[in-house]
Amino acid sequence: MNTHETRRNNNDSIVYTKWVQNGVTIAGGNGGGGATNQLSIPHGLFVDDDQTVVIADYDNHRIVQWKSGDTTNGQVVAGGKGLGNGLNQLQYPTDVLIDKETNSLIICDQG
């Protein structure tokens, strides 16, 4: 997938691609909040080869993943246990990527 632009607006993440004339909401779209179908100030976005979307959900202190074809609810894959520096916590994550060679989720946060 060739991604041209990611726009954050109203707690949604919209990806514009080469072959789509209009943006499509792929994650969020249900207002800001902490449910698995919501984001709160989303930041970094990573799209994998299999079109899995991973988003740094800044204000919820978590990383949320959406599998291709399932735009209803995301799955929390890191953090989500409040603000902090514990093994199950993040502090305002701003970016995320997946390294398939090492099977690692690489997260940039303030903690």
Foldseek 3Di string as FASTA:
>chain_A
DDWDDWDADQQFTWTDDDPDPDTDTQAAPPGADLFQRTAAPWAAWEQDPQRKIWIQRFVQQFIWIDGPPDSRGTDTPAANPDDDDDRRGFHRWHYWDADPVVRDIDTDGDD
